């Protein structure tokens, strides 16, 4: 399934880029979201995995859910700067035949921050944007180990930096459908005496979907210089 999703996304992107580039060259035009335009967007992401080992006597389950809101202003053509607020939920469970070695963890975090987004429109409806997010993390985790009924709750805080590619399609002049499919990130978080550092490139076979509202004239067609 992961390979199929990757191939399909690649074919769609290549086809769209080829056709849109040909259209721009023939008409000698460019497409811009003008300075002064306002943007409000929201996105949601969900991914889950379940792996079984040893005739399904052992299982490892993970689930990730995230929702984010962005509000920004075009400080230049195609360039948006704004603020963001997100919520993340992460769940993992290791189920073993020996209950002593089993555990479950769920983490809740809130992520206020800032974002920077740059659009490259290939046609009046279809384009691409790259988005950088810098966020502060604050949240708590609940952990249960083995067959003990007690739940340990711990608070944590940290920072996260994320750079992600997205495809954008204008459903109407002011509403867009956004689809993100991977990211490059770095995060630092501290939970009591434990420090966690993560970084690298992550491709998500589960696409991050969102909607945006453009408060302005929408995509404008202009002659190339």
Protein backbone atom coordinates (compact mmCIF):
# COMPACT_ATOMS: atom_id res chain seq x y z
CA UNK A 1 0.00 0.00 0.00
CA UNK A 2 2.85 2.40 0.81
CA UNK A 3 4.48 1.74 -2.57
CA UNK A 4 1.18 2.24 -4.40
CA UNK A 5 0.54 5.55 -2.60
CA UNK A 6 4.04 6.76 -3.42
CA UNK A 7 3.81 5.85 -7.11
CA UNK A 8 0.33 7.39 -7.53
CA UNK A 9 1.36 10.64 -5.86
CA UNK A 10 4.47 10.83 -8.04
CA UNK A 11 2.55 10.22 -11.27
CA UNK A 12 -0.10 12.82 -10.43
CA UNK A 13 2.55 15.42 -9.58
CA UNK A 14 4.61 14.74 -12.72
CA UNK A 15 1.55 14.92 -14.96
CA UNK A 16 0.32 18.17 -13.40
CA UNK A 17 3.74 19.82 -13.56
CA UNK A 18 4.25 18.86 -17.22
CA UNK A 19 0.88 20.20 -18.36
CA UNK A 20 1.00 23.36 -16.25
CA UNK A 21 4.56 24.22 -17.31
CA UNK A 22 3.60 23.86 -20.97
CA UNK A 23 0.60 26.14 -20.44
CA UNK A 24 2.71 28.86 -18.79
CA UNK A 25 5.38 28.78 -21.50
CA UNK A 26 2.83 29.07 -24.30
CA UNK A 27 0.92 32.00 -22.79
CA UNK A 28 3.91 33.68 -21.10
CA UNK A 29 1.98 34.28 -17.90
CA UNK A 30 2.55 33.74 -14.21
CA UNK A 31 0.07 33.12 -11.42
CA UNK A 32 0.34 34.87 -8.06
CA UNK A 33 -1.42 35.32 -4.74
CA UNK A 34 -0.94 39.03 -4.23
CA UNK A 35 0.62 40.89 -1.31
CA UNK A 36 -2.04 41.98 1.20
CA UNK A 37 -4.13 38.81 0.89
CA UNK A 38 -5.13 37.08 4.15
CA UNK A 39 -5.13 33.33 4.73
CA UNK A 40 -6.93 31.06 7.19
CA UNK A 41 -6.26 27.33 6.99
CA UNK A 42 -6.77 24.13 8.93
CA UNK A 43 -5.45 20.61 8.50
CA UNK A 44 -5.93 17.15 10.01
CA UNK A 45 -3.69 14.10 10.01
CA UNK A 46 -4.31 10.52 11.16
CA UNK A 47 -2.14 7.43 10.96
CA UNK A 48 -2.27 4.07 12.70
CA UNK A 49 -0.34 0.80 12.61
CA UNK A 50 -0.79 -2.62 14.16
CA UNK A 51 1.97 -5.23 14.03
CA UNK A 52 1.64 -8.80 15.33
CA UNK A 53 4.46 -11.16 16.25
CA UNK A 54 4.63 -14.85 17.18
CA UNK A 55 1.23 -16.07 15.97
CA UNK A 56 -0.32 -12.78 17.14
CA UNK A 57 0.57 -13.46 20.77
CA UNK A 58 2.49 -10.16 20.79
CA UNK A 59 1.18 -6.91 19.32
CA UNK A 60 2.52 -3.40 18.93
CA UNK A 61 -0.09 -0.71 18.17
CA UNK A 62 0.52 2.95 17.35
CA UNK A 63 -1.86 5.78 16.50
CA UNK A 64 -1.18 9.44 15.69
CA UNK A 65 -3.71 12.23 15.32
CA UNK A 66 -3.01 15.92 14.73
CA UNK A 67 -5.06 19.01 13.95
CA UNK A 68 -3.66 22.49 13.19
CA UNK A 69 -4.98 25.99 12.46
CA UNK A 70 -2.99 28.68 10.64
CA UNK A 71 -3.77 32.38 10.26
CA UNK A 72 -1.49 34.46 8.06
CA UNK A 73 -0.91 37.49 5.88
CA UNK A 74 0.82 37.73 2.48
CA UNK A 75 3.74 40.07 3.13
CA UNK A 76 4.83 39.66 -0.51
CA UNK A 77 3.43 37.95 -3.60
CA UNK A 78 3.00 34.23 -2.80
CA UNK A 79 4.68 34.58 0.63
CA UNK A 80 2.64 34.16 3.85
CA UNK A 81 3.74 34.70 7.44
CA UNK A 82 1.46 33.95 10.36
CA UNK A 83 0.68 32.16 13.62
CA UNK A 84 -0.45 28.61 14.22
CA UNK A 85 -2.01 26.49 16.93
CA UNK A 86 -2.12 22.70 16.95
CA UNK A 87 -3.07 19.68 19.02
CA UNK A 88 -1.36 16.27 18.79
CA UNK A 89 -2.38 12.91 20.23
CA UNK A 90 0.01 9.94 20.15
CA UNK A 91 -0.83 6.47 21.41
CA UNK A 92 1.33 3.35 21.60
CA UNK A 93 0.69 -0.02 23.16
CA UNK A 94 2.96 -3.05 23.48
CA UNK A 95 0.92 -6.16 24.30
CA UNK A 96 2.94 -9.19 25.37
CA UNK A 97 1.93 -12.69 26.56
CA UNK A 98 3.76 -11.82 29.77
CA UNK A 99 1.75 -8.86 31.09
CA UNK A 100 4.73 -7.65 33.11
CA UNK A 101 6.52 -6.59 29.91
CA UNK A 102 3.47 -4.88 28.41
CA UNK A 103 2.91 -1.12 28.42
CA UNK A 104 0.69 1.60 26.99
CA UNK A 105 1.45 5.30 26.56
CA UNK A 106 -0.71 8.18 25.36
CA UNK A 107 0.59 11.70 24.91
CA UNK A 108 -1.34 14.95 24.51
CA UNK A 109 0.44 18.10 23.37
CA UNK A 110 -0.46 21.64 22.32
CA UNK A 111 1.75 23.42 19.79
CA UNK A 112 1.47 27.21 19.47
CA UNK A 113 3.91 28.66 16.97
CA UNK A 114 4.63 30.57 13.78
CA UNK A 115 4.67 29.51 10.14
CA UNK A 116 6.09 30.62 6.81
CA UNK A 117 4.49 29.47 3.53
CA UNK A 118 5.54 30.09 -0.07
CA UNK A 119 3.29 29.31 -3.04
CA UNK A 120 4.27 28.37 -6.57
CA UNK A 121 1.17 28.26 -8.78
CA UNK A 122 1.47 26.35 -12.07
CA UNK A 123 -2.08 27.11 -13.23
CA UNK A 124 -4.85 29.33 -11.78
CA UNK A 125 -6.10 26.26 -9.89
CA UNK A 126 -3.16 23.96 -9.23
CA UNK A 127 0.13 24.60 -7.48
CA UNK A 128 2.60 23.76 -4.74
CA UNK A 129 3.63 25.35 -1.47
CA UNK A 130 6.38 24.70 1.01
CA UNK A 131 5.64 25.43 4.67
CA UNK A 132 8.01 25.95 7.59
CA UNK A 133 6.66 25.67 11.15
CA UNK A 134 8.38 26.59 14.38
CA UNK A 135 6.37 25.43 17.42
CA UNK A 136 6.58 25.30 21.18
CA UNK A 137 5.43 21.99 22.69
CA UNK A 138 3.66 21.68 26.01
CA UNK A 139 1.72 18.64 27.16
CA UNK A 140 1.51 15.54 29.32
CA UNK A 141 1.73 11.76 28.98
CA UNK A 142 -0.04 8.93 30.75
CA UNK A 143 1.78 5.61 31.06
CA UNK A 144 0.68 2.21 32.35
CA UNK A 145 3.25 -0.57 32.74
CA UNK A 146 2.62 -4.30 33.01
CA UNK A 147 -0.47 -5.40 34.90
CA UNK A 148 -0.28 -2.58 37.42
CA UNK A 149 -3.47 -0.50 37.73
CA UNK A 150 -1.56 2.68 38.59
CA UNK A 151 -1.15 5.27 35.81
CA UNK A 152 1.92 7.50 35.80
CA UNK A 153 1.32 11.03 34.51
CA UNK A 154 4.24 13.22 33.46
CA UNK A 155 4.43 16.71 31.97
CA UNK A 156 6.78 17.68 29.17
CA UNK A 157 7.78 20.66 27.07
CA UNK A 158 9.95 21.27 24.01
CA UNK A 159 10.34 22.81 20.56
CA UNK A 160 9.73 21.52 17.06
CA UNK A 161 10.84 22.72 13.61
CA UNK A 162 9.19 21.31 10.51
CA UNK A 163 9.53 21.84 6.75
CA UNK A 164 6.90 20.19 4.55
CA UNK A 165 5.90 20.11 0.84
CA UNK A 166 2.21 20.39 -0.09
CA UNK A 167 0.06 20.29 -3.20
CA UNK A 168 -2.75 22.85 -3.46
CA UNK A 169 -5.90 22.87 -5.60
CA UNK A 170 -8.38 25.77 -5.73
CA UNK A 171 -11.90 24.34 -5.36
CA UNK A 172 -13.20 27.87 -5.89
CA UNK A 173 -11.66 31.34 -6.09
CA UNK A 174 -11.27 31.52 -2.29
CA UNK A 175 -11.19 27.90 -1.03
CA UNK A 176 -8.32 25.46 -1.53
CA UNK A 177 -7.74 21.78 -0.84
CA UNK A 178 -4.24 21.15 0.52
CA UNK A 179 -2.42 17.80 0.67
CA UNK A 180 0.89 17.24 2.45
CA UNK A 181 2.79 13.96 2.07
CA UNK A 182 6.03 14.20 4.03
CA UNK A 183 8.25 16.45 6.11
CA UNK A 184 11.73 17.21 7.37
CA UNK A 185 11.70 17.89 11.08
CA UNK A 186 13.71 18.39 14.23
CA UNK A 187 12.29 18.27 17.74
CA UNK A 188 13.60 18.56 21.29
CA UNK A 189 11.47 17.67 24.28
CA UNK A 190 12.14 17.25 27.97
CA UNK A 191 10.07 15.18 30.37
CA UNK A 192 11.26 15.47 33.96
CA UNK A 193 14.77 13.93 33.83
CA UNK A 194 14.46 12.47 30.33
CA UNK A 195 15.47 14.32 27.15
CA UNK A 196 14.29 13.25 23.70
CA UNK A 197 15.78 14.54 20.44
CA UNK A 198 14.42 13.55 17.05
CA UNK A 199 15.23 14.66 13.54
CA UNK A 200 15.24 13.60 9.90
CA UNK A 201 13.02 13.17 6.88
CA UNK A 202 9.68 11.42 7.17
CA UNK A 203 7.46 10.32 4.28
CA UNK A 204 3.81 9.84 5.26
CA UNK A 205 1.85 7.33 3.16
CA UNK A 206 -1.19 8.73 4.98
CA UNK A 207 -1.70 12.17 3.44
CA UNK A 208 -2.16 15.23 5.62
CA UNK A 209 -5.31 16.97 4.32
CA UNK A 210 -6.42 20.55 4.88
CA UNK A 211 -8.61 23.39 3.67
CA UNK A 212 -7.63 27.04 3.29
CA UNK A 213 -9.67 30.21 2.83
CA UNK A 214 -8.04 33.01 0.82
CA UNK A 215 -9.42 36.41 1.81
CA UNK A 216 -8.54 38.40 -1.27
CA UNK A 217 -8.73 38.26 -5.05
CA UNK A 218 -7.47 34.70 -5.24
CA UNK A 219 -4.96 33.66 -7.90
CA UNK A 220 -4.16 36.52 -10.29
CA UNK A 221 -2.84 36.01 -13.82
CA UNK A 222 -0.04 38.37 -14.78
CA UNK A 223 2.23 38.79 -17.77
CA UNK A 224 5.85 37.73 -17.35
CA UNK A 225 8.44 40.48 -17.55
